[in-house]
Amino acid sequence: MIDKLSREINENCIDQAIQTIEEIGEKKVNEAVPYLIEQLELTENALIKNSIALALADIGKTEALEPIVKQLKNQKQKVTEEHY
C-alpha cells in the first residue's frame, strides 16, 4: 500500500493518493506511519497534507503527534503572513 501511495504522489495523482491515504488511516496501517510523516513534511499539497494528518490521527501512533502539530503551526503562520 505504501508503494502504491508513493507512485500516486510521485505521479501527481492527487485524488487516488488521497483515497489511498484514507484507506491507510481506516485500516490503521502502522507500517505506513514513517512514510506518512515524511510526506507530511515534504509535500506542498494542502489536500494531501490534511489527508495525511487525518490518517495519522486515525492510526493513533504517538510519534505522529509532533509532526502534525508542527504542520498546523506552519499552516497557521502561512495564513497569518498572507493576511499582512
Protein backbone atom coordinates (compact mmCIF):
# COMPACT_ATOMS: atom_id res chain seq x y z
CA MET A 1 0.00 0.00 0.00
CA ILE A 2 2.93 2.34 0.73
CA ASP A 3 4.42 1.65 -2.72
CA LYS A 4 1.06 2.41 -4.31
CA LEU A 5 0.80 5.70 -2.41
CA SER A 6 4.36 6.63 -3.32
CA ARG A 7 3.60 6.12 -7.02
CA GLU A 8 0.41 8.14 -6.80
CA ILE A 9 2.17 11.04 -5.09
CA ASN A 10 5.13 10.94 -7.48
CA GLU A 11 2.81 10.85 -10.50
CA ASN A 12 0.71 13.69 -9.03
CA CYS A 13 -2.45 11.55 -8.93
CA ILE A 14 -3.92 13.58 -6.08
CA ASP A 15 -7.40 12.05 -5.92
CA GLN A 16 -6.05 8.49 -5.92
CA ALA A 17 -3.38 9.40 -3.34
CA ILE A 18 -6.00 10.88 -1.01
CA GLN A 19 -8.12 7.76 -1.37
CA THR A 20 -5.13 5.55 -0.54
CA ILE A 21 -4.20 7.75 2.43
CA GLU A 22 -7.76 7.48 3.76
CA GLU A 23 -7.64 3.70 3.36
CA ILE A 24 -4.32 3.56 5.24
CA GLY A 25 -5.90 5.53 8.09
CA GLU A 26 -9.05 3.41 8.17
CA LYS A 27 -7.04 0.17 8.21
CA LYS A 28 -4.57 1.64 10.74
CA VAL A 29 -1.54 0.59 8.70
CA ASN A 30 1.20 1.17 11.30
CA GLU A 31 3.99 0.44 8.80
CA ALA A 32 2.92 3.50 6.81
CA VAL A 33 3.49 5.96 9.66
CA PRO A 34 7.15 6.83 8.87
CA TYR A 35 6.33 7.37 5.19
CA LEU A 36 3.24 9.46 6.01
CA ILE A 37 5.25 11.63 8.41
CA GLU A 38 7.91 12.12 5.74
CA GLN A 39 5.30 13.11 3.15
CA LEU A 40 3.54 15.39 5.63
CA GLU A 41 6.78 17.34 5.92
CA LEU A 42 7.69 17.25 2.21
CA THR A 43 4.51 17.77 0.24
CA GLU A 44 3.27 21.24 -0.65
CA ASN A 45 -0.23 19.99 -1.50
CA ALA A 46 -2.65 21.11 1.23
CA LEU A 47 -5.19 18.39 0.42
CA ILE A 48 -2.57 15.66 0.79
CA LYS A 49 -1.22 17.25 3.98
CA ASN A 50 -4.70 17.32 5.52
CA SER A 51 -5.44 13.75 4.47
CA ILE A 52 -2.14 12.56 5.90
CA ALA A 53 -2.74 14.37 9.20
CA LEU A 54 -6.18 12.77 9.50
CA ALA A 55 -4.83 9.32 8.62
CA LEU A 56 -2.06 9.66 11.20
CA ALA A 57 -4.63 10.69 13.79
CA ASP A 58 -6.75 7.65 12.86
CA ILE A 59 -3.75 5.33 13.20
CA GLY A 60 -3.03 6.86 16.60
CA LYS A 61 0.74 6.48 16.85
CA THR A 62 2.25 8.94 19.31
CA GLU A 63 5.30 9.64 17.12
CA ALA A 64 2.94 11.30 14.62
CA LEU A 65 1.74 13.92 17.10
CA GLU A 66 4.75 16.24 16.91
CA PRO A 67 4.85 16.38 13.06
CA ILE A 68 1.10 17.06 12.95
CA VAL A 69 1.39 19.92 15.45
CA LYS A 70 4.39 21.30 13.56
CA GLN A 71 2.42 21.33 10.30
CA LEU A 72 -0.54 23.03 11.96
CA LYS A 73 1.75 25.74 13.32
CA ASN A 74 3.36 26.18 9.88
CA GLN A 75 -0.05 26.40 8.24
CA LYS A 76 -1.21 28.97 10.79
CA GLN A 77 1.94 31.02 10.21
CA LYS A 78 1.41 30.98 6.42
CA VAL A 79 -2.19 32.13 6.81
CA THR A 80 -1.12 34.92 9.16
CA GLU A 81 1.62 36.06 6.74
CA GLU A 82 -0.82 36.09 3.82
CA HIS A 83 -3.14 38.45 5.68
CA TYR A 84 -0.44 41.04 6.45
